[in-house]
Each structure stands twice: as structure tokens, then as C-alpha cells.
Amino acid sequence: QVQLVESGGGLVQAGGSLRLSCVASGRTFSTYAMGWFRQAPGKEREFVAAISRSGGSTDYTDSVKGRFSISRDNAKNTVYLQMNSLKPEDTAVYYCAAGSSLSRVVVLTTRSVYTYWGQGTQVTVSS
């Protein structure tokens, strides 16, 4: 069982930055591929970014490439999402997720393969 707790959300003006953190419980963090998803009001939860178990592989949805960066610190059981050049359309509840993976280099981009989810943190970008 893994528990995930996100933090770092808030209200920011367009063009600003935020860094989200997600801390995982337990001693098996390094055995999970991690991802960030977001859900805006009235919309489906969508993939944002993912990182492999080793941290050496990452992937992003097209709309955030060049602006967002995902990273992880396995010693601290933490995954981060650095968000720069924020836009009003980035406004959403952001969720981190953990998915089991036998591979240290594969990233998981599909929502259904993630087993554990955090409670979410609100990000609001004003224009």
C-alpha cells in the first residue's frame, strides 16, 4: 500500500511558476513509476507528465512540453513537478500517481495503469 500526499498548489498569475511535490509513504517508492495528472472542472482527468523508476526517462503531454519538468528523489520518496510559464488553461486539480513497473526505464502515460493516487492539489492561474 502506498499513500501519496501532494503539496505546492496555489494561486499564481499567468507567466508565473509553481513547484508541486508529492511524498509517498513506505519503503518501496523506487519500485514505482510516477506520474502527474490534472483535472479541470467539467473535464476528464488528463495525463501531464511521467517519470520512470530510475528517473532517467520522462514524458509530457504536448501542451506542457518546454514549460513543465518532472523529477524524483528516491531517497526522499518524493516526486516533483516544476511548472513554469503558467497559463490560465493550466488551472486544474493536480494529482500524483504511482504505478507498479518491472522496468526501471519505462514511463507510464495511461491513467488506467496507475494504482495509487493522491488527494490532489489545486492550481489556479489568473490572467
Foldseek 3Di string as FASTA:
>chain_A
DKAKAKDWADEEAAQAKIKMKIAIDDLCLLQWKKFKWWDDPPDDIAGAKTAFSQRPDMDGDPVQPPFWDWGDDSVRRMIMIIGGRDDQVVWTWMKMFIAGDPDRGDIDGDPVRTDYIYPTDTHGYHD
